[in-house]
Amino acid sequence: MALKKFMFDLLKEKYGQHEDLIERMAAYLVTEKDLLAYSKMVSDIHEVGYLKAIADYKEQLAEMGIGVTIGKTQE
């Protein structure tokens, strides 16, 4: 049940499109350790995709002669 809630909170209105798969996954991710490991994996996938998108956009902008610096802001 915890996996379903996690995925519903993450996917919102798109949850229904993936409900069958989530139901099957929930049968295998039964412990808190499983759910934490799965959550970490989903976060890692998101991070890798986000960083790749940033690198791709930065490269495209560089080809147009636009320099971009992406980093933390000073507060």
PDB file of N, CA and C in Angstrom:
ATOM      1  N   MET A   1       0.822  -1.201   0.000  1.00  0.00           N
ATOM      2  CA  MET A   1       0.000   0.000   0.000  1.00  0.00           C
ATOM      3  C   MET A   1       0.863   1.262   0.000  1.00  0.00           C
ATOM      4  N   ALA A   2       2.011   1.225   0.649  1.00  0.00           N
ATOM      5  CA  ALA A   2       2.873   2.403   0.695  1.00  0.00           C
ATOM      6  C   ALA A   2       3.377   2.765  -0.701  1.00  0.00           C
ATOM      7  N   LEU A   3       3.671   1.764  -1.529  1.00  0.00           N
ATOM      8  CA  LEU A   3       4.134   2.038  -2.887  1.00  0.00           C
ATOM      9  C   LEU A   3       3.048   2.751  -3.683  1.00  0.00           C
ATOM     10  N   LYS A   4       1.832   2.301  -3.553  1.00  0.00           N
ATOM     11  CA  LYS A   4       0.732   2.918  -4.292  1.00  0.00           C
ATOM     12  C   LYS A   4       0.591   4.391  -3.909  1.00  0.00           C
ATOM     13  N   LYS A   5       0.670   4.688  -2.622  1.00  0.00           N
ATOM     14  CA  LYS A   5       0.571   6.080  -2.168  1.00  0.00           C
ATOM     15  C   LYS A   5       1.740   6.888  -2.699  1.00  0.00           C
ATOM     16  N   PHE A   6       2.950   6.340  -2.607  1.00  0.00           N
ATOM     17  CA  PHE A   6       4.138   7.025  -3.114  1.00  0.00           C
ATOM     18  C   PHE A   6       3.961   7.358  -4.597  1.00  0.00           C
ATOM     19  N   MET A   7       3.544   6.367  -5.373  1.00  0.00           N
ATOM     20  CA  MET A   7       3.395   6.568  -6.809  1.00  0.00           C
ATOM     21  C   MET A   7       2.235   7.522  -7.116  1.00  0.00           C
ATOM     22  N   PHE A   8       1.155   7.444  -6.347  1.00  0.00           N
ATOM     23  CA  PHE A   8       0.035   8.363  -6.570  1.00  0.00           C
ATOM     24  C   PHE A   8       0.472   9.799  -6.296  1.00  0.00           C
ATOM     25  N   ASP A   9       1.198  10.006  -5.198  1.00  0.00           N
ATOM     26  CA  ASP A   9       1.692  11.346  -4.868  1.00  0.00           C
ATOM     27  C   ASP A   9       2.641  11.861  -5.944  1.00  0.00           C
ATOM     28  N   LEU A  10       3.420  10.969  -6.534  1.00  0.00           N
ATOM     29  CA  LEU A  10       4.395  11.341  -7.554  1.00  0.00           C
ATOM     30  C   LEU A  10       3.719  11.606  -8.903  1.00  0.00           C
ATOM     31  N   LEU A  11       2.828  10.726  -9.307  1.00  0.00           N
ATOM     32  CA  LEU A  11       2.241  10.783 -10.650  1.00  0.00           C
ATOM     33  C   LEU A  11       0.971  11.627 -10.759  1.00  0.00           C
ATOM     34  N   LYS A  12       0.291  11.833  -9.650  1.00  0.00           N
ATOM     35  CA  LYS A  12      -0.969  12.593  -9.632  1.00  0.00           C
ATOM     36  C   LYS A  12      -1.956  12.044 -10.666  1.00  0.00           C
ATOM     37  N   GLU A  13      -2.409  12.897 -11.599  1.00  0.00           N
ATOM     38  CA  GLU A  13      -3.447  12.500 -12.555  1.00  0.00           C
ATOM     39  C   GLU A  13      -2.984  11.426 -13.542  1.00  0.00           C
ATOM     40  N   LYS A  14      -1.687  11.174 -13.630  1.00  0.00           N
ATOM     41  CA  LYS A  14      -1.182  10.140 -14.543  1.00  0.00           C
ATOM     42  C   LYS A  14      -1.118   8.760 -13.878  1.00  0.00           C
ATOM     43  N   TYR A  15      -1.468   8.681 -12.601  1.00  0.00           N
ATOM     44  CA  TYR A  15      -1.417   7.421 -11.864  1.00  0.00           C
ATOM     45  C   TYR A  15      -2.213   6.319 -12.563  1.00  0.00           C
ATOM     46  N   GLY A  16      -3.420   6.645 -13.001  1.00  0.00           N
ATOM     47  CA  GLY A  16      -4.303   5.661 -13.621  1.00  0.00           C
ATOM     48  C   GLY A  16      -3.700   4.972 -14.832  1.00  0.00           C
ATOM     49  N   GLN A  17      -2.859   5.683 -15.570  1.00  0.00           N
ATOM     50  CA  GLN A  17      -2.223   5.111 -16.755  1.00  0.00           C
ATOM     51  C   GLN A  17      -1.251   3.989 -16.388  1.00  0.00           C
ATOM     52  N   HIS A  18      -0.785   3.980 -15.142  1.00  0.00           N
ATOM     53  CA  HIS A  18       0.244   3.036 -14.712  1.00  0.00           C
ATOM     54  C   HIS A  18      -0.214   2.124 -13.576  1.00  0.00           C
ATOM     55  N   GLU A  19      -1.493   2.199 -13.243  1.00  0.00           N
ATOM     56  CA  GLU A  19      -1.999   1.491 -12.068  1.00  0.00           C
ATOM     57  C   GLU A  19      -1.765  -0.018 -12.116  1.00  0.00           C
ATOM     58  N   ASP A  20      -1.955  -0.649 -13.258  1.00  0.00           N
ATOM     59  CA  ASP A  20      -1.758  -2.098 -13.355  1.00  0.00           C
ATOM     60  C   ASP A  20      -0.316  -2.477 -13.015  1.00  0.00           C
ATOM     61  N   LEU A  21       0.638  -1.753 -13.572  1.00  0.00           N
ATOM     62  CA  LEU A  21       2.045  -2.029 -13.292  1.00  0.00           C
ATOM     63  C   LEU A  21       2.368  -1.768 -11.823  1.00  0.00           C
ATOM     64  N   ILE A  22       1.840  -0.688 -11.285  1.00  0.00           N
ATOM     65  CA  ILE A  22       2.089  -0.354  -9.876  1.00  0.00           C
ATOM     66  C   ILE A  22       1.529  -1.450  -8.967  1.00  0.00           C
ATOM     67  N   GLU A  23       0.365  -1.971  -9.303  1.00  0.00           N
ATOM     68  CA  GLU A  23      -0.232  -3.072  -8.534  1.00  0.00           C
ATOM     69  C   GLU A  23       0.702  -4.284  -8.511  1.00  0.00           C
ATOM     70  N   ARG A  24       1.257  -4.628  -9.668  1.00  0.00           N
ATOM     71  CA  ARG A  24       2.164  -5.776  -9.736  1.00  0.00           C
ATOM     72  C   ARG A  24       3.452  -5.511  -8.976  1.00  0.00           C
ATOM     73  N   MET A  25       3.988  -4.289  -9.088  1.00  0.00           N
ATOM     74  CA  MET A  25       5.214  -3.940  -8.370  1.00  0.00           C
ATOM     75  C   MET A  25       5.001  -3.976  -6.855  1.00  0.00           C
ATOM     76  N   ALA A  26       3.827  -3.562  -6.424  1.00  0.00           N
ATOM     77  CA  ALA A  26       3.523  -3.503  -4.988  1.00  0.00           C
ATOM     78  C   ALA A  26       3.614  -4.878  -4.338  1.00  0.00           C
ATOM     79  N   ALA A  27       3.374  -5.923  -5.113  1.00  0.00           N
ATOM     80  CA  ALA A  27       3.456  -7.282  -4.579  1.00  0.00           C
ATOM     81  C   ALA A  27       4.895  -7.670  -4.241  1.00  0.00           C
ATOM     82  N   TYR A  28       5.865  -7.007  -4.869  1.00  0.00           N
ATOM     83  CA  TYR A  28       7.276  -7.343  -4.659  1.00  0.00           C
ATOM     84  C   TYR A  28       8.004  -6.366  -3.743  1.00  0.00           C
ATOM     85  N   LEU A  29       7.543  -5.147  -3.673  1.00  0.00           N
ATOM     86  CA  LEU A  29       8.159  -4.144  -2.810  1.00  0.00           C
ATOM     87  C   LEU A  29       7.346  -4.079  -1.517  1.00  0.00           C
ATOM     88  N   VAL A  30       7.607  -5.024  -0.637  1.00  0.00           N
ATOM     89  CA  VAL A  30       6.732  -5.188   0.527  1.00  0.00           C
ATOM     90  C   VAL A  30       7.304  -4.636   1.830  1.00  0.00           C
ATOM     91  N   THR A  31       8.603  -4.467   1.912  1.00  0.00           N
ATOM     92  CA  THR A  31       9.176  -3.970   3.162  1.00  0.00           C
ATOM     93  C   THR A  31       9.485  -2.478   3.031  1.00  0.00           C
ATOM     94  N   GLU A  32       9.676  -1.834   4.166  1.00  0.00           N
ATOM     95  CA  GLU A  32      10.046  -0.424   4.162  1.00  0.00           C
ATOM     96  C   GLU A  32      11.391  -0.227   3.466  1.00  0.00           C
ATOM     97  N   LYS A  33      12.303  -1.191   3.667  1.00  0.00           N
ATOM     98  CA  LYS A  33      13.614  -1.124   3.010  1.00  0.00           C
ATOM     99  C   LYS A  33      13.456  -1.170   1.498  1.00  0.00           C
ATOM    100  N   ASP A  34      12.556  -2.030   1.001  1.00  0.00           N
ATOM    101  CA  ASP A  34      12.286  -2.111  -0.437  1.00  0.00           C
ATOM    102  C   ASP A  34      11.768  -0.773  -0.964  1.00  0.00           C
ATOM    103  N   LEU A  35      10.828  -0.193  -0.239  1.00  0.00           N
ATOM    104  CA  LEU A  35      10.232   1.066  -0.681  1.00  0.00           C
ATOM    105  C   LEU A  35      11.258   2.194  -0.673  1.00  0.00           C
ATOM    106  N   LEU A  36      12.096   2.230   0.349  1.00  0.00           N
ATOM    107  CA  LEU A  36      13.142   3.255   0.416  1.00  0.00           C
ATOM    108  C   LEU A  36      14.141   3.094  -0.727  1.00  0.00           C
ATOM    109  N   ALA A  37      14.519   1.860  -1.022  1.00  0.00           N
ATOM    110  CA  ALA A  37      15.451   1.602  -2.122  1.00  0.00           C
ATOM    111  C   ALA A  37      14.812   1.994  -3.455  1.00  0.00           C
ATOM    112  N   TYR A  38      13.540   1.676  -3.630  1.00  0.00           N
ATOM    113  CA  TYR A  38      12.830   2.038  -4.853  1.00  0.00           C
ATOM    114  C   TYR A  38      12.728   3.560  -4.985  1.00  0.00           C
ATOM    115  N   SER A  39      12.397   4.222  -3.892  1.00  0.00           N
ATOM    116  CA  SER A  39      12.296   5.685  -3.892  1.00  0.00           C
ATOM    117  C   SER A  39      13.630   6.317  -4.268  1.00  0.00           C
ATOM    118  N   LYS A  40      14.697   5.785  -3.733  1.00  0.00           N
ATOM    119  CA  LYS A  40      16.044   6.289  -4.045  1.00  0.00           C
ATOM    120  C   LYS A  40      16.338   6.091  -5.526  1.00  0.00           C
ATOM    121  N   MET A  41      15.965   4.934  -6.067  1.00  0.00           N
ATOM    122  CA  MET A  41      16.199   4.672  -7.479  1.00  0.00           C
ATOM    123  C   MET A  41      15.416   5.654  -8.354  1.00  0.00           C
ATOM    124  N   VAL A  42      14.154   5.897  -8.017  1.00  0.00           N
ATOM    125  CA  VAL A  42      13.335   6.849  -8.781  1.00  0.00           C
ATOM    126  C   VAL A  42      13.957   8.243  -8.716  1.00  0.00           C
ATOM    127  N   SER A  43      14.431   8.645  -7.546  1.00  0.00           N
ATOM    128  CA  SER A  43      15.091   9.945  -7.397  1.00  0.00           C
ATOM    129  C   SER A  43      16.358  10.021  -8.234  1.00  0.00           C
ATOM    130  N   ASP A  44      17.142   8.943  -8.237  1.00  0.00           N
ATOM    131  CA  ASP A  44      18.370   8.900  -9.033  1.00  0.00           C
ATOM    132  C   ASP A  44      18.064   8.991 -10.526  1.00  0.00           C
ATOM    133  N   ILE A  45      17.027   8.300 -10.972  1.00  0.00           N
ATOM    134  CA  ILE A  45      16.626   8.353 -12.384  1.00  0.00           C
ATOM    135  C   ILE A  45      16.237   9.784 -12.750  1.00  0.00           C
ATOM    136  N   HIS A  46      15.464  10.418 -11.883  1.00  0.00           N
ATOM    137  CA  HIS A  46      15.046  11.806 -12.128  1.00  0.00           C
ATOM    138  C   HIS A  46      16.256  12.726 -12.200  1.00  0.00           C
ATOM    139  N   GLU A  47      17.181  12.566 -11.263  1.00  0.00           N
ATOM    140  CA  GLU A  47      18.374  13.419 -11.227  1.00  0.00           C
ATOM    141  C   GLU A  47      19.216  13.260 -12.491  1.00  0.00           C
ATOM    142  N   VAL A  48      19.430  12.022 -12.910  1.00  0.00           N
ATOM    143  CA  VAL A  48      20.231  11.763 -14.106  1.00  0.00           C
ATOM    144  C   VAL A  48      19.567  12.397 -15.334  1.00  0.00           C
ATOM    145  N   GLY A  49      18.266  12.235 -15.457  1.00  0.00           N
ATOM    146  CA  GLY A  49      17.540  12.820 -16.588  1.00  0.00           C
ATOM    147  C   GLY A  49      17.587  14.341 -16.572  1.00  0.00           C
ATOM    148  N   TYR A  50      17.441  14.905 -15.395  1.00  0.00           N
ATOM    149  CA  TYR A  50      17.478  16.366 -15.242  1.00  0.00           C
ATOM    150  C   TYR A  50      18.854  16.907 -15.620  1.00  0.00           C
ATOM    151  N   LEU A  51      19.898  16.278 -15.116  1.00  0.00           N
ATOM    152  CA  LEU A  51      21.259  16.740 -15.417  1.00  0.00           C
ATOM    153  C   LEU A  51      21.592  16.584 -16.902  1.00  0.00           C
ATOM    154  N   LYS A  52      21.098  15.510 -17.529  1.00  0.00           N
ATOM    155  CA  LYS A  52      21.313  15.325 -18.960  1.00  0.00           C
ATOM    156  C   LYS A  52      20.591  16.410 -19.743  1.00  0.00           C
ATOM    157  N   ALA A  53      19.373  16.730 -19.358  1.00  0.00           N
ATOM    158  CA  ALA A  53      18.617  17.783 -20.045  1.00  0.00           C
ATOM    159  C   ALA A  53      19.344  19.120 -19.932  1.00  0.00           C
ATOM    160  N   ILE A  54      19.850  19.428 -18.753  1.00  0.00           N
ATOM    161  CA  ILE A  54      20.600  20.676 -18.562  1.00  0.00           C
ATOM    162  C   ILE A  54      21.818  20.701 -19.476  1.00  0.00           C
ATOM    163  N   ALA A  55      22.565  19.612 -19.504  1.00  0.00           N
ATOM    164  CA  ALA A  55      23.761  19.543 -20.350  1.00  0.00           C
ATOM    165  C   ALA A  55      23.395  19.700 -21.828  1.00  0.00           C
ATOM    166  N   ASP A  56      22.308  19.057 -22.249  1.00  0.00           N
ATOM    167  CA  ASP A  56      21.871  19.148 -23.650  1.00  0.00           C
ATOM    168  C   ASP A  56      21.488  20.583 -24.006  1.00  0.00           C
ATOM    169  N   TYR A  57      20.709  21.238 -23.145  1.00  0.00           N
ATOM    170  CA  TYR A  57      20.301  22.625 -23.405  1.00  0.00           C
ATOM    171  C   TYR A  57      21.503  23.557 -23.390  1.00  0.00           C
ATOM    172  N   LYS A  58      22.406  23.335 -22.470  1.00  0.00           N
ATOM    173  CA  LYS A  58      23.614  24.159 -22.386  1.00  0.00           C
ATOM    174  C   LYS A  58      24.421  24.035 -23.685  1.00  0.00           C
ATOM    175  N   GLU A  59      24.537  22.821 -24.199  1.00  0.00           N
ATOM    176  CA  GLU A  59      25.263  22.577 -25.453  1.00  0.00           C
ATOM    177  C   GLU A  59      24.570  23.270 -26.626  1.00  0.00           C
ATOM    178  N   GLN A  60      23.245  23.151 -26.684  1.00  0.00           N
ATOM    179  CA  GLN A  60      22.492  23.788 -27.767  1.00  0.00           C
ATOM    180  C   GLN A  60      22.655  25.309 -27.724  1.00  0.00           C
ATOM    181  N   LEU A  61      22.612  25.875 -26.541  1.00  0.00           N
ATOM    182  CA  LEU A  61      22.784  27.317 -26.405  1.00  0.00           C
ATOM    183  C   LEU A  61      24.199  27.732 -26.784  1.00  0.00           C
ATOM    184  N   ALA A  62      25.193  26.922 -26.415  1.00  0.00           N
ATOM    185  CA  ALA A  62      26.583  27.219 -26.778  1.00  0.00           C
ATOM    186  C   ALA A  62      26.743  27.243 -28.294  1.00  0.00           C
ATOM    187  N   GLU A  63      26.063  26.351 -28.992  1.00  0.00           N
ATOM    188  CA  GLU A  63      26.120  26.325 -30.458  1.00  0.00           C
ATOM    189  C   GLU A  63      25.531  27.599 -31.061  1.00  0.00           C
ATOM    190  N   MET A  64      24.642  28.263 -30.319  1.00  0.00           N
ATOM    191  CA  MET A  64      24.054  29.523 -30.773  1.00  0.00           C
ATOM    192  C   MET A  64      24.853  30.727 -30.276  1.00  0.00           C
ATOM    193  N   GLY A  65      25.976  30.442 -29.603  1.00  0.00           N
ATOM    194  CA  GLY A  65      26.822  31.518 -29.114  1.00  0.00           C
ATOM    195  C   GLY A  65      26.389  32.100 -27.777  1.00  0.00           C
ATOM    196  N   ILE A  66      25.562  31.385 -27.071  1.00  0.00           N
ATOM    197  CA  ILE A  66      25.077  31.852 -25.774  1.00  0.00           C
ATOM    198  C   ILE A  66      25.757  31.043 -24.679  1.00  0.00           C
ATOM    199  N   GLY A  67      26.491  31.730 -23.822  1.00  0.00           N
ATOM    200  CA  GLY A  67      27.148  31.052 -22.700  1.00  0.00           C
ATOM    201  C   GLY A  67      26.202  30.966 -21.513  1.00  0.00           C
ATOM    202  N   VAL A  68      26.177  29.826 -20.891  1.00  0.00           N
ATOM    203  CA  VAL A  68      25.275  29.601 -19.763  1.00  0.00           C
ATOM    204  C   VAL A  68      26.061  29.000 -18.611  1.00  0.00           C
ATOM    205  N   THR A  69      25.827  29.522 -17.428  1.00  0.00           N
ATOM    206  CA  THR A  69      26.391  28.941 -16.215  1.00  0.00           C
ATOM    207  C   THR A  69      25.228  28.532 -15.326  1.00  0.00           C
ATOM    208  N   ILE A  70      25.231  27.283 -14.951  1.00  0.00           N
ATOM    209  CA  ILE A  70      24.155  26.762 -14.105  1.00  0.00           C
ATOM    210  C   ILE A  70      24.793  26.308 -12.801  1.00  0.00           C
ATOM    211  N   GLY A  71      24.260  26.806 -11.705  1.00  0.00           N
ATOM    212  CA  GLY A  71      24.800  26.442 -10.401  1.00  0.00           C
ATOM    213  C   GLY A  71      23.933  27.008  -9.309  1.00  0.00           C
ATOM    214  N   LYS A  72      24.386  26.846  -8.107  1.00  0.00           N
ATOM    215  CA  LYS A  72      23.655  27.357  -6.957  1.00  0.00           C
ATOM    216  C   LYS A  72      23.816  28.862  -6.876  1.00  0.00           C
ATOM    217  N   THR A  73      22.766  29.510  -6.429  1.00  0.00           N
ATOM    218  CA  THR A  73      22.826  30.955  -6.247  1.00  0.00           C
ATOM    219  C   THR A  73      23.347  31.279  -4.864  1.00  0.00           C
ATOM    220  N   GLN A  74      23.987  32.405  -4.740  1.00  0.00           N
ATOM    221  CA  GLN A  74      24.460  32.867  -3.437  1.00  0.00           C
ATOM    222  C   GLN A  74      23.310  33.567  -2.735  1.00  0.00           C
ATOM    223  N   GLU A  75      23.029  33.187  -1.512  1.00  0.00           N
ATOM    224  CA  GLU A  75      21.935  33.826  -0.765  1.00  0.00           C
ATOM    225  C   GLU A  75      22.481  34.705   0.304  1.00  0.00           C
TER     226      GLU A  75
END
